[in-house]
Amino acid sequence: MTDAPVRHSRRGLIVPFAIAGLILAAWTVWWFVLARQVETRATAQLEGLREAGWTIETAPLSVDGWPFRVRLDLGQARVVAPSGHGLEAPRLIAEANAWNPLTWVAIAPDDLTLTRPDKGRIRIQGGGARMSLTGIDRTWPRFAMELIRPTFTPVGSAEAFPISRAEHVSLEAKPGPQDQAIDVLFQMVDARGRAGGPVDGVTESGLLSARVELRMENAAGLRTPSDDGLMAGWSRGGGRFTHVRGLLESGDNRARIESESLSARDDGRLEGRISMSAARPAAVVAGIAGRGGGAARMAGAAGADVALVLDFRDGRAWLGPFAVAPAPRLF
């Protein structure tokens, strides 16, 4: 007598696929809900900026990226603040991981154009621009921006930018103590200044690298910009820079700068005191005075290892009793 064949249940094969199907369905529902929220909120924020006087021009918003990303494609974008400062990009894309929608990365893969109300437009070319916001549910998200091998070219008769190119430029800003301040880190690697400009005057090798850290006090003032721009509204509301620490490098020369407090006058020019120490600090002073690379090199050759103090007051930069240049303008 032959035994009947044993039939194995297929339930063990079906159950894993069923579970995977349910997870995929639930995830897809979540993704579409998230995508809809992103599109709705982005549209509302853009309309809010327009009502506040901003010029916002984008392509019709579209959201894609299923299943793991939420990608917001703004197409060709143009953003101009009420002060006249603006930025244009042939294409602007912002995206986040679907499982972490509080961190966003914006990418401008092509050229950028920076608009300055009194100085004209600057075209920024290079390896692309990348910006990120982390913790968008916080009072002050963490912001980061980097430019890879950027070049800065005036458009038409616009005034040239202080630097013509750099290997790398980055800016980071994160909340300070109790969200009442913002800590900022600026870094620039191998930048070449425009001919006759302050950066060209400071440099000895033709290239300048910089690292500057500071704290922006009275962060709440950044939410009330004036018609002159974000920095003007912040400054006139009592904003100031504290804990300023910086390192400038050009060839074998290094200059360290420190300041406990810097603010701006109503016309935007800095006020305060900067302490500086360098092997040849006179070269830096010559650069600030706008005397060009040749003067800076001669000043550097004649200088010694000394410390200098620059006072910014009355719209001028003072070295002891001598006014060496107009004070730099913040806005």
C-alpha atoms as a PDB file:
ATOM      1  CA  MET A   1       0.000   0.000   0.000  1.00  0.00           C
ATOM      2  CA  THR A   2       1.458   3.333  -1.107  1.00  0.00           C
ATOM      3  CA  ASP A   3       1.286   6.264   1.317  1.00  0.00           C
ATOM      4  CA  ALA A   4      -0.409   9.425  -0.028  1.00  0.00           C
ATOM      5  CA  PRO A   5       1.988  12.330  -0.672  1.00  0.00           C
ATOM      6  CA  VAL A   6       2.250  14.859   2.145  1.00  0.00           C
ATOM      7  CA  ARG A   7       0.931  18.276   1.227  1.00  0.00           C
ATOM      8  CA  HIS A   8       2.858  21.186   2.720  1.00  0.00           C
ATOM      9  CA  SER A   9       0.941  24.326   3.615  1.00  0.00           C
ATOM     10  CA  ARG A  10       1.805  27.361   1.487  1.00  0.00           C
ATOM     11  CA  ARG A  11       0.785  29.695   4.268  1.00  0.00           C
ATOM     12  CA  GLY A  12       4.401  30.050   5.317  1.00  0.00           C
ATOM     13  CA  LEU A  13       5.243  31.452   1.868  1.00  0.00           C
ATOM     14  CA  ILE A  14       2.266  33.753   1.579  1.00  0.00           C
ATOM     15  CA  VAL A  15       2.462  35.386   5.001  1.00  0.00           C
ATOM     16  CA  PRO A  16       5.831  37.186   4.475  1.00  0.00           C
ATOM     17  CA  PHE A  17       4.679  38.582   1.123  1.00  0.00           C
ATOM     18  CA  ALA A  18       1.394  39.688   2.644  1.00  0.00           C
ATOM     19  CA  ILE A  19       3.191  41.466   5.474  1.00  0.00           C
ATOM     20  CA  ALA A  20       5.561  43.141   3.003  1.00  0.00           C
ATOM     21  CA  GLY A  21       2.585  44.217   0.901  1.00  0.00           C
ATOM     22  CA  LEU A  22       0.834  45.740   3.905  1.00  0.00           C
ATOM     23  CA  ILE A  23       4.013  47.612   4.915  1.00  0.00           C
ATOM     24  CA  LEU A  24       4.467  48.913   1.368  1.00  0.00           C
ATOM     25  CA  ALA A  25       0.843  50.024   1.207  1.00  0.00           C
ATOM     26  CA  ALA A  26       1.076  51.798   4.569  1.00  0.00           C
ATOM     27  CA  TRP A  27       4.368  53.441   3.572  1.00  0.00           C
ATOM     28  CA  THR A  28       2.880  54.598   0.254  1.00  0.00           C
ATOM     29  CA  VAL A  29      -0.089  56.159   2.045  1.00  0.00           C
ATOM     30  CA  TRP A  30       2.323  57.894   4.434  1.00  0.00           C
ATOM     31  CA  TRP A  31       4.453  59.162   1.548  1.00  0.00           C
ATOM     32  CA  PHE A  32       1.489  60.661  -0.309  1.00  0.00           C
ATOM     33  CA  VAL A  33       0.196  62.324   2.876  1.00  0.00           C
ATOM     34  CA  LEU A  34       3.663  63.761   3.534  1.00  0.00           C
ATOM     35  CA  ALA A  35       4.075  64.900  -0.077  1.00  0.00           C
ATOM     36  CA  ARG A  36       0.719  66.666   0.054  1.00  0.00           C
ATOM     37  CA  GLN A  37       1.648  68.418   3.291  1.00  0.00           C
ATOM     38  CA  VAL A  38       4.992  69.521   1.847  1.00  0.00           C
ATOM     39  CA  GLU A  39       3.368  70.961  -1.265  1.00  0.00           C
ATOM     40  CA  THR A  40       0.660  72.732   0.750  1.00  0.00           C
ATOM     41  CA  ARG A  41       3.061  74.240   3.282  1.00  0.00           C
ATOM     42  CA  ALA A  42       5.578  75.291   0.640  1.00  0.00           C
ATOM     43  CA  THR A  43       2.846  77.041  -1.332  1.00  0.00           C
ATOM     44  CA  ALA A  44       1.591  78.808   1.821  1.00  0.00           C
ATOM     45  CA  GLN A  45       5.091  79.955   2.790  1.00  0.00           C
ATOM     46  CA  LEU A  46       5.780  81.337  -0.679  1.00  0.00           C
ATOM     47  CA  GLU A  47       2.467  83.227  -0.630  1.00  0.00           C
ATOM     48  CA  GLY A  48       3.302  84.583   2.824  1.00  0.00           C
ATOM     49  CA  LEU A  49       6.617  85.942   1.543  1.00  0.00           C
ATOM     50  CA  ARG A  50       4.890  87.554  -1.432  1.00  0.00           C
ATOM     51  CA  GLU A  51       2.426  89.263   0.884  1.00  0.00           C
ATOM     52  CA  ALA A  52       5.383  90.539   2.940  1.00  0.00           C
ATOM     53  CA  GLY A  53       6.833  92.266  -0.130  1.00  0.00           C
ATOM     54  CA  TRP A  54       9.139  89.575  -1.499  1.00  0.00           C
ATOM     55  CA  THR A  55       9.313  88.783  -5.201  1.00  0.00           C
ATOM     56  CA  ILE A  56       9.048  85.008  -5.616  1.00  0.00           C
ATOM     57  CA  GLU A  57       9.071  83.437  -9.070  1.00  0.00           C
ATOM     58  CA  THR A  58       9.170  79.666  -9.527  1.00  0.00           C
ATOM     59  CA  ALA A  59       7.828  77.017 -11.855  1.00  0.00           C
ATOM     60  CA  PRO A  60       4.619  75.261 -10.716  1.00  0.00           C
ATOM     61  CA  LEU A  61       5.626  73.191  -7.686  1.00  0.00           C
ATOM     62  CA  SER A  62       5.912  69.443  -8.177  1.00  0.00           C
ATOM     63  CA  VAL A  63       6.641  66.722  -5.625  1.00  0.00           C
ATOM     64  CA  ASP A  64       8.164  63.312  -6.397  1.00  0.00           C
ATOM     65  CA  GLY A  65      10.788  60.972  -4.976  1.00  0.00           C
ATOM     66  CA  TRP A  66       8.662  57.967  -3.914  1.00  0.00           C
ATOM     67  CA  PRO A  67       9.376  55.769  -2.034  1.00  0.00           C
ATOM     68  CA  PHE A  68      12.283  57.004   0.097  1.00  0.00           C
ATOM     69  CA  ARG A  69      12.541  60.734  -0.630  1.00  0.00           C
ATOM     70  CA  VAL A  70      10.313  63.766  -0.870  1.00  0.00           C
ATOM     71  CA  ARG A  71      11.674  65.995  -3.612  1.00  0.00           C
ATOM     72  CA  LEU A  72      10.297  69.472  -4.270  1.00  0.00           C
ATOM     73  CA  ASP A  73      11.250  70.803  -7.704  1.00  0.00           C
ATOM     74  CA  LEU A  74      10.871  74.579  -8.005  1.00  0.00           C
ATOM     75  CA  GLY A  75      12.319  74.730 -11.508  1.00  0.00           C
ATOM     76  CA  GLN A  76      13.753  78.111 -12.452  1.00  0.00           C
ATOM     77  CA  ALA A  77      13.593  80.238  -9.309  1.00  0.00           C
ATOM     78  CA  ARG A  78      14.018  83.934  -8.554  1.00  0.00           C
ATOM     79  CA  VAL A  79      13.794  85.314  -5.014  1.00  0.00           C
ATOM     80  CA  VAL A  80      14.188  89.030  -4.243  1.00  0.00           C
ATOM     81  CA  ALA A  81      13.803  90.500  -0.746  1.00  0.00           C
ATOM     82  CA  PRO A  82      12.109  93.890  -0.146  1.00  0.00           C
ATOM     83  CA  SER A  83      15.604  95.377   0.267  1.00  0.00           C
ATOM     84  CA  GLY A  84      16.468  94.444  -3.337  1.00  0.00           C
ATOM     85  CA  HIS A  85      18.871  91.620  -2.432  1.00  0.00           C
ATOM     86  CA  GLY A  86      18.078  88.520  -4.426  1.00  0.00           C
ATOM     87  CA  LEU A  87      19.146  85.175  -5.817  1.00  0.00           C
ATOM     88  CA  GLU A  88      18.310  83.458  -9.103  1.00  0.00           C
ATOM     89  CA  ALA A  89      18.847  79.826 -10.120  1.00  0.00           C
ATOM     90  CA  PRO A  90      18.057  78.092 -13.435  1.00  0.00           C
ATOM     91  CA  ARG A  91      16.901  75.128 -11.340  1.00  0.00           C
ATOM     92  CA  LEU A  92      16.350  74.692  -7.620  1.00  0.00           C
ATOM     93  CA  ILE A  93      15.556  71.367  -5.957  1.00  0.00           C
ATOM     94  CA  ALA A  94      14.841  70.699  -2.278  1.00  0.00           C
ATOM     95  CA  GLU A  95      14.545  67.204  -0.848  1.00  0.00           C
ATOM     96  CA  ALA A  96      14.293  65.284   2.415  1.00  0.00           C
ATOM     97  CA  ASN A  97      14.309  61.654   3.438  1.00  0.00           C
ATOM     98  CA  ALA A  98      10.726  60.490   3.848  1.00  0.00           C
ATOM     99  CA  TRP A  99      11.571  59.049   7.282  1.00  0.00           C
ATOM    100  CA  ASN A 100      13.210  62.330   8.415  1.00  0.00           C
ATOM    101  CA  PRO A 101      11.211  65.257   6.988  1.00  0.00           C
ATOM    102  CA  LEU A 102      12.756  67.722   9.468  1.00  0.00           C
ATOM    103  CA  THR A 103      16.052  67.857   7.540  1.00  0.00           C
ATOM    104  CA  TRP A 104      16.030  69.394   4.067  1.00  0.00           C
ATOM    105  CA  VAL A 105      18.756  69.802   1.463  1.00  0.00           C
ATOM    106  CA  ALA A 106      18.486  72.311  -1.397  1.00  0.00           C
ATOM    107  CA  ILE A 107      20.648  71.897  -4.480  1.00  0.00           C
ATOM    108  CA  ALA A 108      21.304  74.403  -7.257  1.00  0.00           C
ATOM    109  CA  PRO A 109      23.145  72.260  -9.841  1.00  0.00           C
ATOM    110  CA  ASP A 110      23.717  75.160 -12.255  1.00  0.00           C
ATOM    111  CA  ASP A 111      24.839  78.768 -11.992  1.00  0.00           C
ATOM    112  CA  LEU A 112      23.499  81.210  -9.422  1.00  0.00           C
ATOM    113  CA  THR A 113      23.044  84.952  -9.838  1.00  0.00           C
ATOM    114  CA  LEU A 114      23.321  87.193  -6.789  1.00  0.00           C
ATOM    115  CA  THR A 115      21.586  90.574  -6.939  1.00  0.00           C
ATOM    116  CA  ARG A 116      22.866  93.507  -4.844  1.00  0.00           C
ATOM    117  CA  PRO A 117      20.667  96.615  -4.912  1.00  0.00           C
ATOM    118  CA  ASP A 118      23.486  99.189  -5.135  1.00  0.00           C
ATOM    119  CA  LYS A 119      26.254  97.159  -6.728  1.00  0.00           C
ATOM    120  CA  GLY A 120      24.594  95.075  -9.431  1.00  0.00           C
ATOM    121  CA  ARG A 121      24.481  91.370 -10.173  1.00  0.00           C
ATOM    122  CA  ILE A 122      27.150  88.708  -9.716  1.00  0.00           C
ATOM    123  CA  ARG A 123      27.123  85.361 -11.512  1.00  0.00           C
ATOM    124  CA  ILE A 124      28.348  82.468  -9.362  1.00  0.00           C
ATOM    125  CA  GLN A 125      29.620  79.463 -11.315  1.00  0.00           C
ATOM    126  CA  GLY A 126      31.527  76.361 -10.301  1.00  0.00           C
ATOM    127  CA  GLY A 127      30.863  72.897  -8.935  1.00  0.00           C
ATOM    128  CA  GLY A 128      27.390  73.701  -7.618  1.00  0.00           C
ATOM    129  CA  ALA A 129      25.782  75.047  -4.466  1.00  0.00           C
ATOM    130  CA  ARG A 130      24.292  73.029  -1.616  1.00  0.00           C
ATOM    131  CA  MET A 131      22.240  74.276   1.337  1.00  0.00           C
ATOM    132  CA  SER A 132      20.676  72.382   4.226  1.00  0.00           C
ATOM    133  CA  LEU A 133      18.257  73.023   7.087  1.00  0.00           C
ATOM    134  CA  THR A 134      18.176  70.644  10.056  1.00  0.00           C
ATOM    135  CA  GLY A 135      15.445  70.768  12.671  1.00  0.00           C
ATOM    136  CA  ILE A 136      12.916  72.911  10.802  1.00  0.00           C
ATOM    137  CA  ASP A 137      10.502  72.505  13.724  1.00  0.00           C
ATOM    138  CA  ARG A 138      12.850  74.478  16.004  1.00  0.00           C
ATOM    139  CA  THR A 139      12.862  78.241  16.524  1.00  0.00           C
ATOM    140  CA  TRP A 140      16.194  78.416  14.701  1.00  0.00           C
ATOM    141  CA  PRO A 141      17.058  75.449  12.465  1.00  0.00           C
ATOM    142  CA  ARG A 142      20.681  74.597  11.827  1.00  0.00           C
ATOM    143  CA  PHE A 143      21.705  76.060   8.472  1.00  0.00           C
ATOM    144  CA  ALA A 144      24.657  75.099   6.277  1.00  0.00           C
ATOM    145  CA  MET A 145      25.719  76.252   2.819  1.00  0.00           C
ATOM    146  CA  GLU A 146      28.692  75.379   0.671  1.00  0.00           C
ATOM    147  CA  LEU A 147      30.012  76.466  -2.707  1.00  0.00           C
ATOM    148  CA  ILE A 148      32.426  74.168  -4.539  1.00  0.00           C
ATOM    149  CA  ARG A 149      35.139  75.933  -6.558  1.00  0.00           C
ATOM    150  CA  PRO A 150      32.996  79.035  -7.127  1.00  0.00           C
ATOM    151  CA  THR A 151      33.887  81.888  -9.440  1.00  0.00           C
ATOM    152  CA  PHE A 152      32.304  85.329  -9.053  1.00  0.00           C
ATOM    153  CA  THR A 153      31.815  87.319 -12.256  1.00  0.00           C
ATOM    154  CA  PRO A 154      30.162  90.757 -12.489  1.00  0.00           C
ATOM    155  CA  VAL A 155      27.206  90.961 -14.859  1.00  0.00           C
ATOM    156  CA  GLY A 156      27.409  93.977 -17.169  1.00  0.00           C
ATOM    157  CA  SER A 157      28.635  97.075 -15.343  1.00  0.00           C
ATOM    158  CA  ALA A 158      28.128  95.624 -11.842  1.00  0.00           C
ATOM    159  CA  GLU A 159      30.764  96.253  -9.174  1.00  0.00           C
ATOM    160  CA  ALA A 160      33.131  93.311  -8.807  1.00  0.00           C
ATOM    161  CA  PHE A 161      32.799  90.972  -5.831  1.00  0.00           C
ATOM    162  CA  PRO A 162      35.609  91.136  -3.191  1.00  0.00           C
ATOM    163  CA  ILE A 163      36.868  87.731  -4.391  1.00  0.00           C
ATOM    164  CA  SER A 164      37.002  86.427  -7.958  1.00  0.00           C
ATOM    165  CA  ARG A 165      37.199  82.718  -7.139  1.00  0.00           C
ATOM    166  CA  ALA A 166      37.848  80.219  -4.352  1.00  0.00           C
ATOM    167  CA  GLU A 167      38.413  76.512  -3.909  1.00  0.00           C
ATOM    168  CA  HIS A 168      35.681  76.189  -1.295  1.00  0.00           C
ATOM    169  CA  VAL A 169      33.356  78.509   0.626  1.00  0.00           C
ATOM    170  CA  SER A 170      31.062  77.401   3.461  1.00  0.00           C
ATOM    171  CA  LEU A 171      28.778  79.025   6.020  1.00  0.00           C
ATOM    172  CA  GLU A 172      27.210  77.335   9.037  1.00  0.00           C
ATOM    173  CA  ALA A 173      24.745  78.786  11.542  1.00  0.00           C
ATOM    174  CA  LYS A 174      23.292  77.003  14.564  1.00  0.00           C
ATOM    175  CA  PRO A 175      21.239  78.059  17.588  1.00  0.00           C
ATOM    176  CA  GLY A 176      23.224  79.565  20.453  1.00  0.00           C
ATOM    177  CA  PRO A 177      22.414  79.536  24.170  1.00  0.00           C
ATOM    178  CA  GLN A 178      18.664  79.269  24.841  1.00  0.00           C
ATOM    179  CA  ASP A 179      17.947  80.145  21.203  1.00  0.00           C
ATOM    180  CA  GLN A 180      18.669  83.814  22.020  1.00  0.00           C
ATOM    181  CA  ALA A 181      21.724  83.930  19.766  1.00  0.00           C
ATOM    182  CA  ILE A 182      23.071  82.273  16.633  1.00  0.00           C
ATOM    183  CA  ASP A 183      26.598  80.865  16.354  1.00  0.00           C
ATOM    184  CA  VAL A 184      28.148  81.333  12.926  1.00  0.00           C
ATOM    185  CA  LEU A 185      31.175  79.713  11.286  1.00  0.00           C
ATOM    186  CA  PHE A 186      32.499  81.006   7.954  1.00  0.00           C
ATOM    187  CA  GLN A 187      35.301  79.237   6.075  1.00  0.00           C
ATOM    188  CA  MET A 188      36.990  80.083   2.797  1.00  0.00           C
ATOM    189  CA  VAL A 189      39.839  78.165   1.173  1.00  0.00           C
ATOM    190  CA  ASP A 190      42.301  79.547  -1.399  1.00  0.00           C
ATOM    191  CA  ALA A 191      40.347  82.608  -2.438  1.00  0.00           C
ATOM    192  CA  ARG A 192      41.752  85.061  -4.962  1.00  0.00           C
ATOM    193  CA  GLY A 193      40.695  88.682  -4.584  1.00  0.00           C
ATOM    194  CA  ARG A 194      39.639  91.039  -7.321  1.00  0.00           C
ATOM    195  CA  ALA A 195      42.421  93.263  -8.662  1.00  0.00           C
ATOM    196  CA  GLY A 196      43.022  96.189  -6.334  1.00  0.00           C
ATOM    197  CA  GLY A 197      40.456  95.028  -3.796  1.00  0.00           C
ATOM    198  CA  PRO A 198      40.919  94.460  -0.047  1.00  0.00           C
ATOM    199  CA  VAL A 199      41.496  90.709  -0.363  1.00  0.00           C
ATOM    200  CA  ASP A 200      44.096  91.254  -3.075  1.00  0.00           C
ATOM    201  CA  GLY A 201      45.748  93.826  -0.817  1.00  0.00           C
ATOM    202  CA  VAL A 202      45.941  91.482   2.154  1.00  0.00           C
ATOM    203  CA  THR A 203      47.354  88.488   0.308  1.00  0.00           C
ATOM    204  CA  GLU A 204      51.007  87.759  -0.168  1.00  0.00           C
ATOM    205  CA  SER A 205      50.780  84.611  -2.281  1.00  0.00           C
ATOM    206  CA  GLY A 206      47.725  85.756  -4.228  1.00  0.00           C
ATOM    207  CA  LEU A 207      45.500  83.345  -2.298  1.00  0.00           C
ATOM    208  CA  LEU A 208      43.715  83.846   1.014  1.00  0.00           C
ATOM    209  CA  SER A 209      42.157  81.296   3.364  1.00  0.00           C
ATOM    210  CA  ALA A 210      39.980  82.353   6.278  1.00  0.00           C
ATOM    211  CA  ARG A 211      38.129  80.856   9.215  1.00  0.00           C
ATOM    212  CA  VAL A 212      35.912  83.160  11.278  1.00  0.00           C
ATOM    213  CA  GLU A 213      33.650  82.249  14.210  1.00  0.00           C
ATOM    214  CA  LEU A 214      31.219  84.649  15.869  1.00  0.00           C
ATOM    215  CA  ARG A 215      27.963  84.883  17.771  1.00  0.00           C
ATOM    216  CA  MET A 216      25.013  86.978  16.641  1.00  0.00           C
ATOM    217  CA  GLU A 217      23.272  88.310  19.733  1.00  0.00           C
ATOM    218  CA  ASN A 218      19.565  89.229  19.814  1.00  0.00           C
ATOM    219  CA  ALA A 219      18.590  86.562  17.310  1.00  0.00           C
ATOM    220  CA  ALA A 220      14.912  87.561  17.553  1.00  0.00           C
ATOM    221  CA  GLY A 221      15.784  90.737  15.663  1.00  0.00           C
ATOM    222  CA  LEU A 222      16.451  88.656  12.552  1.00  0.00           C
ATOM    223  CA  ARG A 223      12.698  88.150  12.227  1.00  0.00           C
ATOM    224  CA  THR A 224      12.041  91.860  11.705  1.00  0.00           C
ATOM    225  CA  PRO A 225      14.078  92.943   8.674  1.00  0.00           C
ATOM    226  CA  SER A 226      13.923  96.535   7.491  1.00  0.00           C
ATOM    227  CA  ASP A 227      13.661  97.783   3.937  1.00  0.00           C
ATOM    228  CA  ASP A 228      17.485  97.826   3.910  1.00  0.00           C
ATOM    229  CA  GLY A 229      17.621  94.069   4.405  1.00  0.00           C
ATOM    230  CA  LEU A 230      17.835  91.385   7.037  1.00  0.00           C
ATOM    231  CA  MET A 231      21.094  92.571   8.614  1.00  0.00           C
ATOM    232  CA  ALA A 232      19.911  96.183   8.832  1.00  0.00           C
ATOM    233  CA  GLY A 233      16.755  95.224  10.725  1.00  0.00           C
ATOM    234  CA  TRP A 234      18.717  92.985  13.074  1.00  0.00           C
ATOM    235  CA  SER A 235      21.376  95.620  13.753  1.00  0.00           C
ATOM    236  CA  ARG A 236      18.939  98.459  14.362  1.00  0.00           C
ATOM    237  CA  GLY A 237      17.043  96.224  16.778  1.00  0.00           C
ATOM    238  CA  GLY A 238      20.126  95.913  18.980  1.00  0.00           C
ATOM    239  CA  GLY A 239      21.910  93.067  17.200  1.00  0.00           C
ATOM    240  CA  ARG A 240      25.675  92.796  17.557  1.00  0.00           C
ATOM    241  CA  PHE A 241      28.526  90.348  16.959  1.00  0.00           C
ATOM    242  CA  THR A 242      30.307  88.902  19.984  1.00  0.00           C
ATOM    243  CA  HIS A 243      32.971  86.203  20.567  1.00  0.00           C
ATOM    244  CA  VAL A 244      34.590  87.004  17.228  1.00  0.00           C
ATOM    245  CA  ARG A 245      37.601  84.809  16.515  1.00  0.00           C
ATOM    246  CA  GLY A 246      39.315  84.482  13.171  1.00  0.00           C
ATOM    247  CA  LEU A 247      42.373  83.183  11.357  1.00  0.00           C
ATOM    248  CA  LEU A 248      43.566  84.566   8.005  1.00  0.00           C
ATOM    249  CA  GLU A 249      46.284  82.738   6.064  1.00  0.00           C
ATOM    250  CA  SER A 250      48.179  83.743   2.943  1.00  0.00           C
ATOM    251  CA  GLY A 251      51.394  81.953   2.078  1.00  0.00           C
ATOM    252  CA  ASP A 252      53.557  81.849   5.204  1.00  0.00           C
ATOM    253  CA  ASN A 253      51.772  84.775   6.809  1.00  0.00           C
ATOM    254  CA  ARG A 254      49.024  84.288   9.393  1.00  0.00           C
ATOM    255  CA  ALA A 255      46.886  86.865  11.131  1.00  0.00           C
ATOM    256  CA  ARG A 256      44.673  86.131  14.124  1.00  0.00           C
ATOM    257  CA  ILE A 257      41.799  88.478  14.902  1.00  0.00           C
ATOM    258  CA  GLU A 258      39.628  88.800  17.997  1.00  0.00           C
ATOM    259  CA  SER A 259      36.811  91.058  19.089  1.00  0.00           C
ATOM    260  CA  GLU A 260      34.460  90.939  22.029  1.00  0.00           C
ATOM    261  CA  SER A 261      31.804  93.135  20.440  1.00  0.00           C
ATOM    262  CA  LEU A 262      31.103  94.627  17.014  1.00  0.00           C
ATOM    263  CA  SER A 263      27.964  96.478  15.970  1.00  0.00           C
ATOM    264  CA  ALA A 264      26.852  98.697  13.091  1.00  0.00           C
ATOM    265  CA  ARG A 265      25.885 102.345  12.806  1.00  0.00           C
ATOM    266  CA  ASP A 266      22.667 103.418  11.110  1.00  0.00           C
ATOM    267  CA  ASP A 267      24.587 103.717   7.832  1.00  0.00           C
ATOM    268  CA  GLY A 268      25.810 100.115   8.138  1.00  0.00           C
ATOM    269  CA  ARG A 269      29.445 100.831   8.956  1.00  0.00           C
ATOM    270  CA  LEU A 270      31.018  98.755  11.718  1.00  0.00           C
ATOM    271  CA  GLU A 271      31.776 100.069  15.184  1.00  0.00           C
ATOM    272  CA  GLY A 272      33.935  98.341  17.760  1.00  0.00           C
ATOM    273  CA  ARG A 273      37.459  97.104  18.231  1.00  0.00           C
ATOM    274  CA  ILE A 274      39.436  94.269  16.633  1.00  0.00           C
ATOM    275  CA  SER A 275      42.707  92.989  18.065  1.00  0.00           C
ATOM    276  CA  MET A 276      45.062  91.469  15.530  1.00  0.00           C
ATOM    277  CA  SER A 277      48.380  89.665  15.756  1.00  0.00           C
ATOM    278  CA  ALA A 278      50.448  88.593  12.775  1.00  0.00           C
ATOM    279  CA  ALA A 279      53.991  88.110  11.592  1.00  0.00           C
ATOM    280  CA  ARG A 280      53.486  91.060   9.229  1.00  0.00           C
ATOM    281  CA  PRO A 281      50.274  92.791  10.359  1.00  0.00           C
ATOM    282  CA  ALA A 282      51.063  95.958   8.402  1.00  0.00           C
ATOM    283  CA  ALA A 283      50.254  94.007   5.241  1.00  0.00           C
ATOM    284  CA  VAL A 284      46.737  93.418   6.520  1.00  0.00           C
ATOM    285  CA  VAL A 285      46.311  97.102   7.373  1.00  0.00           C
ATOM    286  CA  ALA A 286      47.516  98.048   3.882  1.00  0.00           C
ATOM    287  CA  GLY A 287      44.925  95.712   2.418  1.00  0.00           C
ATOM    288  CA  ILE A 288      42.144  97.225   4.514  1.00  0.00           C
ATOM    289  CA  ALA A 289      43.228 100.646   3.349  1.00  0.00           C
ATOM    290  CA  GLY A 290      42.848  99.445  -0.243  1.00  0.00           C
ATOM    291  CA  ARG A 291      46.431 100.061  -1.341  1.00  0.00           C
ATOM    292  CA  GLY A 292      46.725  96.875  -3.349  1.00  0.00           C
ATOM    293  CA  GLY A 293      49.060  93.917  -3.332  1.00  0.00           C
ATOM    294  CA  GLY A 294      52.276  95.837  -3.966  1.00  0.00           C
ATOM    295  CA  ALA A 295      51.770  98.156  -0.998  1.00  0.00           C
ATOM    296  CA  ALA A 296      50.781  95.235   1.167  1.00  0.00           C
ATOM    297  CA  ARG A 297      53.940  93.352   0.300  1.00  0.00           C
ATOM    298  CA  MET A 298      56.159  96.350   1.033  1.00  0.00           C
ATOM    299  CA  ALA A 299      54.369  96.935   4.322  1.00  0.00           C
ATOM    300  CA  GLY A 300      54.767  93.279   5.143  1.00  0.00           C
ATOM    301  CA  ALA A 301      58.497  93.297   4.401  1.00  0.00           C
ATOM    302  CA  ALA A 302      59.055  96.298   6.673  1.00  0.00           C
ATOM    303  CA  GLY A 303      56.882  95.099   9.547  1.00  0.00           C
ATOM    304  CA  ALA A 304      57.781  93.076  12.611  1.00  0.00           C
ATOM    305  CA  ASP A 305      56.065  90.566  14.866  1.00  0.00           C
ATOM    306  CA  VAL A 306      53.649  92.924  16.570  1.00  0.00           C
ATOM    307  CA  ALA A 307      50.035  93.130  17.684  1.00  0.00           C
ATOM    308  CA  LEU A 308      47.729  95.826  16.390  1.00  0.00           C
ATOM    309  CA  VAL A 309      44.341  97.160  17.466  1.00  0.00           C
ATOM    310  CA  LEU A 310      41.914  98.518  14.876  1.00  0.00           C
ATOM    311  CA  ASP A 311      39.149 100.785  16.146  1.00  0.00           C
ATOM    312  CA  PHE A 312      36.033 101.274  14.050  1.00  0.00           C
ATOM    313  CA  ARG A 313      34.353 104.535  15.008  1.00  0.00           C
ATOM    314  CA  ASP A 314      32.820 107.549  13.327  1.00  0.00           C
ATOM    315  CA  GLY A 315      32.582 105.558  10.096  1.00  0.00           C
ATOM    316  CA  ARG A 316      36.366 105.087   9.867  1.00  0.00           C
ATOM    317  CA  ALA A 317      38.948 102.438  10.726  1.00  0.00           C
ATOM    318  CA  TRP A 318      41.554 103.871  13.108  1.00  0.00           C
ATOM    319  CA  LEU A 319      45.061 102.613  13.881  1.00  0.00           C
ATOM    320  CA  GLY A 320      46.003 104.612  16.940  1.00  0.00           C
ATOM    321  CA  PRO A 321      45.456 108.300  16.070  1.00  0.00           C
ATOM    322  CA  PHE A 322      45.435 107.606  12.293  1.00  0.00           C
ATOM    323  CA  ALA A 323      42.343 106.952  10.190  1.00  0.00           C
ATOM    324  CA  VAL A 324      43.502 104.344   7.673  1.00  0.00           C
ATOM    325  CA  ALA A 325      40.287 103.622   5.755  1.00  0.00           C
ATOM    326  CA  PRO A 326      36.509 103.826   5.831  1.00  0.00           C
ATOM    327  CA  ALA A 327      35.032 101.286   8.232  1.00  0.00           C
ATOM    328  CA  PRO A 328      33.653  98.159   6.496  1.00  0.00           C
ATOM    329  CA  ARG A 329      29.920  98.192   5.841  1.00  0.00           C
ATOM    330  CA  LEU A 330      27.637  95.469   7.168  1.00  0.00           C
ATOM    331  CA  PHE A 331      24.723  96.575   4.972  1.00  0.00           C
END
